[in-house]
Amino acid sequence: MKRFAPKLHVKKGDKVIVIAGASKGSTGEIKEIFINKNRAIVEGVNMVKKHTKPVNDNPGGIIEVESAIHLSNLMLVDPKTGKPTKVGRKEVDGKMVRYSKKSGEIV
């Protein structure tokens, strides 16, 4: 049995804003999405400290990295207004596209 990936309101490379949690209000670009966990890694958001062992090219120590954040806590930033917006889907030239509900512009 083949499982299909769900349709998400955000994609890799989208500019998003965090609407809930410790990083609320911060914006960034999506670097990676984990579909099976409903989580995404956003650039510069949800920073955590990670302890690393020294290896040949890395001296080790405590580094700060981005941690995954749940997709329900993210909202797409409208390309026209720069404010958070909901995402809709419509057919344009026989192809489904995402559009901003706030401005109506295709994302």
PDB file of N, CA and C in Angstrom:
ATOM      1  N   MET A   1       0.844  -1.187   0.000  1.00  0.00           N
ATOM      2  CA  MET A   1       0.000   0.000   0.000  1.00  0.00           C
ATOM      3  C   MET A   1       0.887   1.247   0.000  1.00  0.00           C
ATOM      4  N   LYS A   2       0.642   2.131  -0.939  1.00  0.00           N
ATOM      5  CA  LYS A   2       1.441   3.355  -1.070  1.00  0.00           C
ATOM      6  C   LYS A   2       0.786   4.479  -0.279  1.00  0.00           C
ATOM      7  N   ARG A   3       1.604   5.204   0.467  1.00  0.00           N
ATOM      8  CA  ARG A   3       1.097   6.333   1.241  1.00  0.00           C
ATOM      9  C   ARG A   3       1.448   7.616   0.515  1.00  0.00           C
ATOM     10  N   PHE A   4       0.517   8.542   0.486  1.00  0.00           N
ATOM     11  CA  PHE A   4       0.720   9.811  -0.185  1.00  0.00           C
ATOM     12  C   PHE A   4       1.070  10.888   0.825  1.00  0.00           C
ATOM     13  N   ALA A   5       1.933  11.802   0.420  1.00  0.00           N
ATOM     14  CA  ALA A   5       2.327  12.909   1.287  1.00  0.00           C
ATOM     15  C   ALA A   5       1.164  13.887   1.404  1.00  0.00           C
ATOM     16  N   PRO A   6       0.895  14.399   2.602  1.00  0.00           N
ATOM     17  CA  PRO A   6      -0.204  15.351   2.759  1.00  0.00           C
ATOM     18  C   PRO A   6       0.128  16.692   2.116  1.00  0.00           C
ATOM     19  N   LYS A   7      -0.901  17.449   1.760  1.00  0.00           N
ATOM     20  CA  LYS A   7      -0.716  18.793   1.212  1.00  0.00           C
ATOM     21  C   LYS A   7      -0.478  19.741   2.386  1.00  0.00           C
ATOM     22  N   LEU A   8       0.657  20.387   2.375  1.00  0.00           N
ATOM     23  CA  LEU A   8       1.016  21.300   3.453  1.00  0.00           C
ATOM     24  C   LEU A   8       0.841  22.742   3.014  1.00  0.00           C
ATOM     25  N   HIS A   9       0.679  23.633   3.994  1.00  0.00           N
ATOM     26  CA  HIS A   9       0.503  25.046   3.668  1.00  0.00           C
ATOM     27  C   HIS A   9       1.830  25.759   3.448  1.00  0.00           C
ATOM     28  N   VAL A  10       2.943  25.090   3.771  1.00  0.00           N
ATOM     29  CA  VAL A  10       4.264  25.681   3.570  1.00  0.00           C
ATOM     30  C   VAL A  10       5.156  24.706   2.822  1.00  0.00           C
ATOM     31  N   LYS A  11       6.197  25.240   2.174  1.00  0.00           N
ATOM     32  CA  LYS A  11       7.168  24.428   1.448  1.00  0.00           C
ATOM     33  C   LYS A  11       8.570  24.889   1.821  1.00  0.00           C
ATOM     34  N   LYS A  12       9.564  24.092   1.432  1.00  0.00           N
ATOM     35  CA  LYS A  12      10.957  24.463   1.645  1.00  0.00           C
ATOM     36  C   LYS A  12      11.243  25.744   0.866  1.00  0.00           C
ATOM     37  N   GLY A  13      11.891  26.708   1.518  1.00  0.00           N
ATOM     38  CA  GLY A  13      12.214  27.976   0.870  1.00  0.00           C
ATOM     39  C   GLY A  13      11.207  29.077   1.143  1.00  0.00           C
ATOM     40  N   ASP A  14      10.049  28.746   1.727  1.00  0.00           N
ATOM     41  CA  ASP A  14       9.038  29.761   2.051  1.00  0.00           C
ATOM     42  C   ASP A  14       9.496  30.618   3.221  1.00  0.00           C
ATOM     43  N   LYS A  15       9.111  31.892   3.213  1.00  0.00           N
ATOM     44  CA  LYS A  15       9.362  32.785   4.338  1.00  0.00           C
ATOM     45  C   LYS A  15       8.159  32.675   5.272  1.00  0.00           C
ATOM     46  N   VAL A  16       8.416  32.317   6.538  1.00  0.00           N
ATOM     47  CA  VAL A  16       7.336  32.091   7.494  1.00  0.00           C
ATOM     48  C   VAL A  16       7.564  32.901   8.764  1.00  0.00           C
ATOM     49  N   ILE A  17       6.491  33.033   9.549  1.00  0.00           N
ATOM     50  CA  ILE A  17       6.546  33.688  10.850  1.00  0.00           C
ATOM     51  C   ILE A  17       6.039  32.695  11.886  1.00  0.00           C
ATOM     52  N   VAL A  18       6.638  32.710  13.068  1.00  0.00           N
ATOM     53  CA  VAL A  18       6.230  31.823  14.147  1.00  0.00           C
ATOM     54  C   VAL A  18       5.092  32.497  14.903  1.00  0.00           C
ATOM     55  N   ILE A  19       3.955  31.799  15.053  1.00  0.00           N
ATOM     56  CA  ILE A  19       2.781  32.399  15.686  1.00  0.00           C
ATOM     57  C   ILE A  19       2.538  31.891  17.106  1.00  0.00           C
ATOM     58  N   ALA A  20       3.333  30.898  17.565  1.00  0.00           N
ATOM     59  CA  ALA A  20       3.158  30.375  18.918  1.00  0.00           C
ATOM     60  C   ALA A  20       4.472  29.786  19.405  1.00  0.00           C
ATOM     61  N   GLY A  21       4.630  29.734  20.720  1.00  0.00           N
ATOM     62  CA  GLY A  21       5.815  29.123  21.311  1.00  0.00           C
ATOM     63  C   GLY A  21       6.837  30.147  21.757  1.00  0.00           C
ATOM     64  N   ALA A  22       8.012  29.647  22.143  1.00  0.00           N
ATOM     65  CA  ALA A  22       9.067  30.497  22.690  1.00  0.00           C
ATOM     66  C   ALA A  22       9.622  31.468  21.651  1.00  0.00           C
ATOM     67  N   SER A  23       9.603  31.080  20.384  1.00  0.00           N
ATOM     68  CA  SER A  23      10.147  31.928  19.316  1.00  0.00           C
ATOM     69  C   SER A  23       9.076  32.765  18.631  1.00  0.00           C
ATOM     70  N   LYS A  24       7.949  32.988  19.295  1.00  0.00           N
ATOM     71  CA  LYS A  24       6.815  33.711  18.698  1.00  0.00           C
ATOM     72  C   LYS A  24       7.235  35.071  18.166  1.00  0.00           C
ATOM     73  N   GLY A  25       6.795  35.386  16.932  1.00  0.00           N
ATOM     74  CA  GLY A  25       7.076  36.675  16.328  1.00  0.00           C
ATOM     75  C   GLY A  25       8.295  36.689  15.437  1.00  0.00           C
ATOM     76  N   SER A  26       9.152  35.677  15.538  1.00  0.00           N
ATOM     77  CA  SER A  26      10.356  35.675  14.708  1.00  0.00           C
ATOM     78  C   SER A  26      10.063  35.090  13.325  1.00  0.00           C
ATOM     79  N   THR A  27      10.801  35.565  12.330  1.00  0.00           N
ATOM     80  CA  THR A  27      10.595  35.112  10.959  1.00  0.00           C
ATOM     81  C   THR A  27      11.858  34.454  10.440  1.00  0.00           C
ATOM     82  N   GLY A  28      11.689  33.644   9.404  1.00  0.00           N
ATOM     83  CA  GLY A  28      12.831  32.983   8.787  1.00  0.00           C
ATOM     84  C   GLY A  28      12.382  32.165   7.592  1.00  0.00           C
ATOM     85  N   GLU A  29      13.360  31.589   6.919  1.00  0.00           N
ATOM     86  CA  GLU A  29      13.092  30.778   5.737  1.00  0.00           C
ATOM     87  C   GLU A  29      13.172  29.305   6.111  1.00  0.00           C
ATOM     88  N   ILE A  30      12.278  28.494   5.559  1.00  0.00           N
ATOM     89  CA  ILE A  30      12.268  27.064   5.857  1.00  0.00           C
ATOM     90  C   ILE A  30      13.444  26.392   5.160  1.00  0.00           C
ATOM     91  N   LYS A  31      14.277  25.688   5.945  1.00  0.00           N
ATOM     92  CA  LYS A  31      15.429  24.980   5.407  1.00  0.00           C
ATOM     93  C   LYS A  31      15.091  23.531   5.082  1.00  0.00           C
ATOM     94  N   GLU A  32      14.238  22.910   5.906  1.00  0.00           N
ATOM     95  CA  GLU A  32      13.934  21.493   5.735  1.00  0.00           C
ATOM     96  C   GLU A  32      12.575  21.201   6.356  1.00  0.00           C
ATOM     97  N   ILE A  33      11.834  20.241   5.764  1.00  0.00           N
ATOM     98  CA  ILE A  33      10.535  19.835   6.289  1.00  0.00           C
ATOM     99  C   ILE A  33      10.543  18.333   6.520  1.00  0.00           C
ATOM    100  N   PHE A  34      10.046  17.906   7.689  1.00  0.00           N
ATOM    101  CA  PHE A  34       9.883  16.492   8.011  1.00  0.00           C
ATOM    102  C   PHE A  34       8.391  16.184   7.938  1.00  0.00           C
ATOM    103  N   ILE A  35       7.943  15.641   6.794  1.00  0.00           N
ATOM    104  CA  ILE A  35       6.519  15.437   6.547  1.00  0.00           C
ATOM    105  C   ILE A  35       5.909  14.451   7.531  1.00  0.00           C
ATOM    106  N   ASN A  36       6.630  13.357   7.823  1.00  0.00           N
ATOM    107  CA  ASN A  36       6.064  12.336   8.706  1.00  0.00           C
ATOM    108  C   ASN A  36       5.904  12.813  10.148  1.00  0.00           C
ATOM    109  N   LYS A  37       6.654  13.833  10.555  1.00  0.00           N
ATOM    110  CA  LYS A  37       6.560  14.370  11.910  1.00  0.00           C
ATOM    111  C   LYS A  37       5.800  15.688  11.980  1.00  0.00           C
ATOM    112  N   ASN A  38       5.397  16.257  10.830  1.00  0.00           N
ATOM    113  CA  ASN A  38       4.720  17.563  10.762  1.00  0.00           C
ATOM    114  C   ASN A  38       5.562  18.664  11.396  1.00  0.00           C
ATOM    115  N   ARG A  39       6.852  18.652  11.109  1.00  0.00           N
ATOM    116  CA  ARG A  39       7.761  19.637  11.677  1.00  0.00           C
ATOM    117  C   ARG A  39       8.661  20.216  10.595  1.00  0.00           C
ATOM    118  N   ALA A  40       9.226  21.386  10.876  1.00  0.00           N
ATOM    119  CA  ALA A  40      10.118  22.038   9.919  1.00  0.00           C
ATOM    120  C   ALA A  40      11.258  22.710  10.672  1.00  0.00           C
ATOM    121  N   ILE A  41      12.384  22.849   9.982  1.00  0.00           N
ATOM    122  CA  ILE A  41      13.506  23.603  10.534  1.00  0.00           C
ATOM    123  C   ILE A  41      13.515  24.957   9.843  1.00  0.00           C
ATOM    124  N   VAL A  42      13.411  26.021  10.650  1.00  0.00           N
ATOM    125  CA  VAL A  42      13.364  27.389  10.131  1.00  0.00           C
ATOM    126  C   VAL A  42      14.663  28.085  10.516  1.00  0.00           C
ATOM    127  N   GLU A  43      15.223  28.804   9.556  1.00  0.00           N
ATOM    128  CA  GLU A  43      16.505  29.475   9.735  1.00  0.00           C
ATOM    129  C   GLU A  43      16.445  30.507  10.867  1.00  0.00           C
ATOM    130  N   GLY A  44      17.289  30.319  11.885  1.00  0.00           N
ATOM    131  CA  GLY A  44      17.398  31.277  12.988  1.00  0.00           C
ATOM    132  C   GLY A  44      16.279  31.234  14.008  1.00  0.00           C
ATOM    133  N   VAL A  45      15.437  30.188  13.976  1.00  0.00           N
ATOM    134  CA  VAL A  45      14.291  30.088  14.885  1.00  0.00           C
ATOM    135  C   VAL A  45      14.413  28.823  15.729  1.00  0.00           C
ATOM    136  N   ASN A  46      13.981  28.881  16.989  1.00  0.00           N
ATOM    137  CA  ASN A  46      13.979  27.730  17.895  1.00  0.00           C
ATOM    138  C   ASN A  46      15.403  27.201  18.101  1.00  0.00           C
ATOM    139  N   MET A  47      16.301  28.098  18.470  1.00  0.00           N
ATOM    140  CA  MET A  47      17.706  27.739  18.651  1.00  0.00           C
ATOM    141  C   MET A  47      17.894  26.956  19.954  1.00  0.00           C
ATOM    142  N   VAL A  48      18.695  25.876  19.872  1.00  0.00           N
ATOM    143  CA  VAL A  48      19.016  25.060  21.043  1.00  0.00           C
ATOM    144  C   VAL A  48      20.525  24.876  21.098  1.00  0.00           C
ATOM    145  N   LYS A  49      21.037  24.617  22.303  1.00  0.00           N
ATOM    146  CA  LYS A  49      22.462  24.382  22.465  1.00  0.00           C
ATOM    147  C   LYS A  49      22.724  22.879  22.341  1.00  0.00           C
ATOM    148  N   LYS A  50      23.759  22.529  21.549  1.00  0.00           N
ATOM    149  CA  LYS A  50      24.102  21.137  21.332  1.00  0.00           C
ATOM    150  C   LYS A  50      25.560  20.923  21.709  1.00  0.00           C
ATOM    151  N   HIS A  51      25.814  19.886  22.495  1.00  0.00           N
ATOM    152  CA  HIS A  51      27.170  19.561  22.922  1.00  0.00           C
ATOM    153  C   HIS A  51      27.773  18.597  21.913  1.00  0.00           C
ATOM    154  N   THR A  52      28.931  18.944  21.342  1.00  0.00           N
ATOM    155  CA  THR A  52      29.558  18.102  20.333  1.00  0.00           C
ATOM    156  C   THR A  52      30.940  17.659  20.786  1.00  0.00           C
ATOM    157  N   LYS A  53      31.282  16.426  20.403  1.00  0.00           N
ATOM    158  CA  LYS A  53      32.609  15.905  20.698  1.00  0.00           C
ATOM    159  C   LYS A  53      33.596  16.400  19.655  1.00  0.00           C
ATOM    160  N   PRO A  54      34.847  16.566  20.040  1.00  0.00           N
ATOM    161  CA  PRO A  54      35.828  17.000  19.047  1.00  0.00           C
ATOM    162  C   PRO A  54      36.145  15.890  18.033  1.00  0.00           C
ATOM    163  N   VAL A  55      36.214  16.267  16.756  1.00  0.00           N
ATOM    164  CA  VAL A  55      36.657  15.375  15.689  1.00  0.00           C
ATOM    165  C   VAL A  55      37.743  16.110  14.908  1.00  0.00           C
ATOM    166  N   ASN A  56      38.253  15.491  13.859  1.00  0.00           N
ATOM    167  CA  ASN A  56      39.399  16.065  13.128  1.00  0.00           C
ATOM    168  C   ASN A  56      39.203  17.522  12.722  1.00  0.00           C
ATOM    169  N   ASP A  57      38.069  17.846  12.074  1.00  0.00           N
ATOM    170  CA  ASP A  57      37.884  19.211  11.563  1.00  0.00           C
ATOM    171  C   ASP A  57      37.089  20.110  12.506  1.00  0.00           C
ATOM    172  N   ASN A  58      36.518  19.560  13.578  1.00  0.00           N
ATOM    173  CA  ASN A  58      35.693  20.341  14.499  1.00  0.00           C
ATOM    174  C   ASN A  58      36.286  20.252  15.903  1.00  0.00           C
ATOM    175  N   PRO A  59      36.560  21.411  16.547  1.00  0.00           N
ATOM    176  CA  PRO A  59      37.161  21.353  17.886  1.00  0.00           C
ATOM    177  C   PRO A  59      36.189  20.892  18.977  1.00  0.00           C
ATOM    178  N   GLY A  60      34.896  20.834  18.678  1.00  0.00           N
ATOM    179  CA  GLY A  60      33.924  20.417  19.677  1.00  0.00           C
ATOM    180  C   GLY A  60      33.463  21.574  20.533  1.00  0.00           C
ATOM    181  N   GLY A  61      32.694  21.258  21.587  1.00  0.00           N
ATOM    182  CA  GLY A  61      32.188  22.282  22.488  1.00  0.00           C
ATOM    183  C   GLY A  61      30.690  22.424  22.372  1.00  0.00           C
ATOM    184  N   ILE A  62      30.181  23.559  22.807  1.00  0.00           N
ATOM    185  CA  ILE A  62      28.736  23.820  22.783  1.00  0.00           C
ATOM    186  C   ILE A  62      28.434  24.738  21.607  1.00  0.00           C
ATOM    187  N   ILE A  63      27.561  24.259  20.712  1.00  0.00           N
ATOM    188  CA  ILE A  63      27.173  25.064  19.552  1.00  0.00           C
ATOM    189  C   ILE A  63      25.667  25.281  19.572  1.00  0.00           C
ATOM    190  N   GLU A  64      25.222  26.345  18.903  1.00  0.00           N
ATOM    191  CA  GLU A  64      23.784  26.611  18.796  1.00  0.00           C
ATOM    192  C   GLU A  64      23.309  26.200  17.424  1.00  0.00           C
ATOM    193  N   VAL A  65      22.235  25.389  17.379  1.00  0.00           N
ATOM    194  CA  VAL A  65      21.659  24.926  16.117  1.00  0.00           C
ATOM    195  C   VAL A  65      20.151  25.141  16.149  1.00  0.00           C
ATOM    196  N   GLU A  66      19.540  25.153  14.956  1.00  0.00           N
ATOM    197  CA  GLU A  66      18.084  25.272  14.875  1.00  0.00           C
ATOM    198  C   GLU A  66      17.455  23.926  15.167  1.00  0.00           C
ATOM    199  N   SER A  67      16.369  23.948  15.918  1.00  0.00           N
ATOM    200  CA  SER A  67      15.625  22.732  16.206  1.00  0.00           C
ATOM    201  C   SER A  67      14.313  22.772  15.429  1.00  0.00           C
ATOM    202  N   ALA A  68      13.706  21.600  15.229  1.00  0.00           N
ATOM    203  CA  ALA A  68      12.461  21.523  14.464  1.00  0.00           C
ATOM    204  C   ALA A  68      11.323  22.166  15.239  1.00  0.00           C
ATOM    205  N   ILE A  69      10.384  22.769  14.503  1.00  0.00           N
ATOM    206  CA  ILE A  69       9.216  23.423  15.098  1.00  0.00           C
ATOM    207  C   ILE A  69       7.983  22.887  14.382  1.00  0.00           C
ATOM    208  N   HIS A  70       6.885  22.719  15.107  1.00  0.00           N
ATOM    209  CA  HIS A  70       5.676  22.133  14.529  1.00  0.00           C
ATOM    210  C   HIS A  70       5.071  23.062  13.482  1.00  0.00           C
ATOM    211  N   LEU A  71       4.544  22.466  12.409  1.00  0.00           N
ATOM    212  CA  LEU A  71       3.990  23.249  11.302  1.00  0.00           C
ATOM    213  C   LEU A  71       2.785  24.087  11.717  1.00  0.00           C
ATOM    214  N   SER A  72       2.052  23.641  12.743  1.00  0.00           N
ATOM    215  CA  SER A  72       0.890  24.409  13.186  1.00  0.00           C
ATOM    216  C   SER A  72       1.283  25.732  13.826  1.00  0.00           C
ATOM    217  N   ASN A  73       2.549  25.857  14.215  1.00  0.00           N
ATOM    218  CA  ASN A  73       3.039  27.102  14.816  1.00  0.00           C
ATOM    219  C   ASN A  73       3.642  28.053  13.786  1.00  0.00           C
ATOM    220  N   LEU A  74       3.557  27.697  12.501  1.00  0.00           N
ATOM    221  CA  LEU A  74       4.116  28.520  11.436  1.00  0.00           C
ATOM    222  C   LEU A  74       3.015  29.059  10.540  1.00  0.00           C
ATOM    223  N   MET A  75       3.210  30.270  10.039  1.00  0.00           N
ATOM    224  CA  MET A  75       2.280  30.874   9.100  1.00  0.00           C
ATOM    225  C   MET A  75       3.085  31.532   7.988  1.00  0.00           C
ATOM    226  N   LEU A  76       2.622  31.384   6.764  1.00  0.00           N
ATOM    227  CA  LEU A  76       3.304  31.950   5.614  1.00  0.00           C
ATOM    228  C   LEU A  76       3.252  33.475   5.664  1.00  0.00           C
ATOM    229  N   VAL A  77       4.340  34.122   5.253  1.00  0.00           N
ATOM    230  CA  VAL A  77       4.382  35.578   5.187  1.00  0.00           C
ATOM    231  C   VAL A  77       3.919  35.999   3.798  1.00  0.00           C
ATOM    232  N   ASP A  78       2.948  36.905   3.745  1.00  0.00           N
ATOM    233  CA  ASP A  78       2.397  37.391   2.477  1.00  0.00           C
ATOM    234  C   ASP A  78       3.487  38.122   1.697  1.00  0.00           C
ATOM    235  N   PRO A  79       3.714  37.742   0.429  1.00  0.00           N
ATOM    236  CA  PRO A  79       4.779  38.397  -0.341  1.00  0.00           C
ATOM    237  C   PRO A  79       4.514  39.876  -0.615  1.00  0.00           C
ATOM    238  N   LYS A  80       3.257  40.291  -0.624  1.00  0.00           N
ATOM    239  CA  LYS A  80       2.909  41.677  -0.935  1.00  0.00           C
ATOM    240  C   LYS A  80       2.964  42.569   0.311  1.00  0.00           C
ATOM    241  N   THR A  81       2.311  42.137   1.401  1.00  0.00           N
ATOM    242  CA  THR A  81       2.204  42.972   2.595  1.00  0.00           C
ATOM    243  C   THR A  81       3.266  42.687   3.646  1.00  0.00           C
ATOM    244  N   GLY A  82       3.849  41.477   3.643  1.00  0.00           N
ATOM    245  CA  GLY A  82       4.840  41.125   4.651  1.00  0.00           C
ATOM    246  C   GLY A  82       4.232  40.702   5.972  1.00  0.00           C
ATOM    247  N   LYS A  83       2.911  40.469   5.994  1.00  0.00           N
ATOM    248  CA  LYS A  83       2.215  40.042   7.205  1.00  0.00           C
ATOM    249  C   LYS A  83       1.820  38.571   7.075  1.00  0.00           C
ATOM    250  N   PRO A  84       1.540  37.894   8.209  1.00  0.00           N
ATOM    251  CA  PRO A  84       1.137  36.484   8.128  1.00  0.00           C
ATOM    252  C   PRO A  84      -0.201  36.320   7.406  1.00  0.00           C
ATOM    253  N   THR A  85      -0.334  35.245   6.642  1.00  0.00           N
ATOM    254  CA  THR A  85      -1.541  35.014   5.869  1.00  0.00           C
ATOM    255  C   THR A  85      -1.865  33.535   5.809  1.00  0.00           C
ATOM    256  N   LYS A  86      -3.137  33.230   5.608  1.00  0.00           N
ATOM    257  CA  LYS A  86      -3.551  31.849   5.366  1.00  0.00           C
ATOM    258  C   LYS A  86      -3.274  31.525   3.910  1.00  0.00           C
ATOM    259  N   VAL A  87      -3.217  30.229   3.602  1.00  0.00           N
ATOM    260  CA  VAL A  87      -2.906  29.780   2.253  1.00  0.00           C
ATOM    261  C   VAL A  87      -4.110  29.069   1.670  1.00  0.00           C
ATOM    262  N   GLY A  88      -4.454  29.406   0.426  1.00  0.00           N
ATOM    263  CA  GLY A  88      -5.525  28.729  -0.292  1.00  0.00           C
ATOM    264  C   GLY A  88      -4.955  28.052  -1.520  1.00  0.00           C
ATOM    265  N   ARG A  89      -5.772  27.200  -2.140  1.00  0.00           N
ATOM    266  CA  ARG A  89      -5.357  26.526  -3.372  1.00  0.00           C
ATOM    267  C   ARG A  89      -6.392  26.784  -4.443  1.00  0.00           C
ATOM    268  N   LYS A  90      -5.903  27.047  -5.665  1.00  0.00           N
ATOM    269  CA  LYS A  90      -6.808  27.201  -6.793  1.00  0.00           C
ATOM    270  C   LYS A  90      -6.107  26.719  -8.057  1.00  0.00           C
ATOM    271  N   GLU A  91      -6.900  26.454  -9.085  1.00  0.00           N
ATOM    272  CA  GLU A  91      -6.355  25.944 -10.328  1.00  0.00           C
ATOM    273  C   GLU A  91      -6.097  27.097 -11.287  1.00  0.00           C
ATOM    274  N   VAL A  92      -4.869  27.184 -11.779  1.00  0.00           N
ATOM    275  CA  VAL A  92      -4.489  28.201 -12.752  1.00  0.00           C
ATOM    276  C   VAL A  92      -3.814  27.479 -13.915  1.00  0.00           C
ATOM    277  N   ASP A  93      -4.360  27.626 -15.111  1.00  0.00           N
ATOM    278  CA  ASP A  93      -3.836  26.973 -16.314  1.00  0.00           C
ATOM    279  C   ASP A  93      -3.701  25.462 -16.136  1.00  0.00           C
ATOM    280  N   GLY A  94      -4.692  24.853 -15.503  1.00  0.00           N
ATOM    281  CA  GLY A  94      -4.698  23.400 -15.326  1.00  0.00           C
ATOM    282  C   GLY A  94      -3.746  22.895 -14.258  1.00  0.00           C
ATOM    283  N   LYS A  95      -3.191  23.774 -13.441  1.00  0.00           N
ATOM    284  CA  LYS A  95      -2.247  23.384 -12.401  1.00  0.00           C
ATOM    285  C   LYS A  95      -2.669  23.999 -11.074  1.00  0.00           C
ATOM    286  N   MET A  96      -2.613  23.210 -10.001  1.00  0.00           N
ATOM    287  CA  MET A  96      -2.974  23.725  -8.682  1.00  0.00           C
ATOM    288  C   MET A  96      -1.839  24.590  -8.146  1.00  0.00           C
ATOM    289  N   VAL A  97      -2.175  25.788  -7.679  1.00  0.00           N
ATOM    290  CA  VAL A  97      -1.187  26.706  -7.115  1.00  0.00           C
ATOM    291  C   VAL A  97      -1.659  27.181  -5.750  1.00  0.00           C
ATOM    292  N   ARG A  98      -0.697  27.587  -4.928  1.00  0.00           N
ATOM    293  CA  ARG A  98      -1.029  28.170  -3.629  1.00  0.00           C
ATOM    294  C   ARG A  98      -1.144  29.679  -3.798  1.00  0.00           C
ATOM    295  N   TYR A  99      -2.075  30.275  -3.059  1.00  0.00           N
ATOM    296  CA  TYR A  99      -2.202  31.729  -3.098  1.00  0.00           C
ATOM    297  C   TYR A  99      -2.455  32.269  -1.705  1.00  0.00           C
ATOM    298  N   SER A 100      -2.117  33.536  -1.517  1.00  0.00           N
ATOM    299  CA  SER A 100      -2.295  34.215  -0.240  1.00  0.00           C
ATOM    300  C   SER A 100      -3.752  34.638  -0.105  1.00  0.00           C
ATOM    301  N   LYS A 101      -4.385  34.264   0.990  1.00  0.00           N
ATOM    302  CA  LYS A 101      -5.787  34.641   1.217  1.00  0.00           C
ATOM    303  C   LYS A 101      -5.912  36.141   1.497  1.00  0.00           C
ATOM    304  N   LYS A 102      -4.847  36.761   2.017  1.00  0.00           N
ATOM    305  CA  LYS A 102      -4.893  38.169   2.372  1.00  0.00           C
ATOM    306  C   LYS A 102      -4.845  39.074   1.148  1.00  0.00           C
ATOM    307  N   SER A 103      -3.895  38.805   0.228  1.00  0.00           N
ATOM    308  CA  SER A 103      -3.755  39.680  -0.933  1.00  0.00           C
ATOM    309  C   SER A 103      -4.222  39.039  -2.235  1.00  0.00           C
ATOM    310  N   GLY A 104      -4.415  37.720  -2.233  1.00  0.00           N
ATOM    311  CA  GLY A 104      -4.839  37.025  -3.447  1.00  0.00           C
ATOM    312  C   GLY A 104      -3.704  36.732  -4.402  1.00  0.00           C
ATOM    313  N   GLU A 105      -2.472  37.057  -4.020  1.00  0.00           N
ATOM    314  CA  GLU A 105      -1.314  36.871  -4.888  1.00  0.00           C
ATOM    315  C   GLU A 105      -0.829  35.424  -4.832  1.00  0.00           C
ATOM    316  N   ILE A 106      -0.397  34.894  -5.971  1.00  0.00           N
ATOM    317  CA  ILE A 106       0.094  33.517  -6.029  1.00  0.00           C
ATOM    318  C   ILE A 106       1.463  33.445  -5.353  1.00  0.00           C
ATOM    319  N   VAL A 107       1.619  32.417  -4.507  1.00  0.00           N
ATOM    320  CA  VAL A 107       2.854  32.254  -3.747  1.00  0.00           C
ATOM    321  C   VAL A 107       3.843  31.438  -4.546  1.00  0.00           C
TER     322      VAL A 107
END
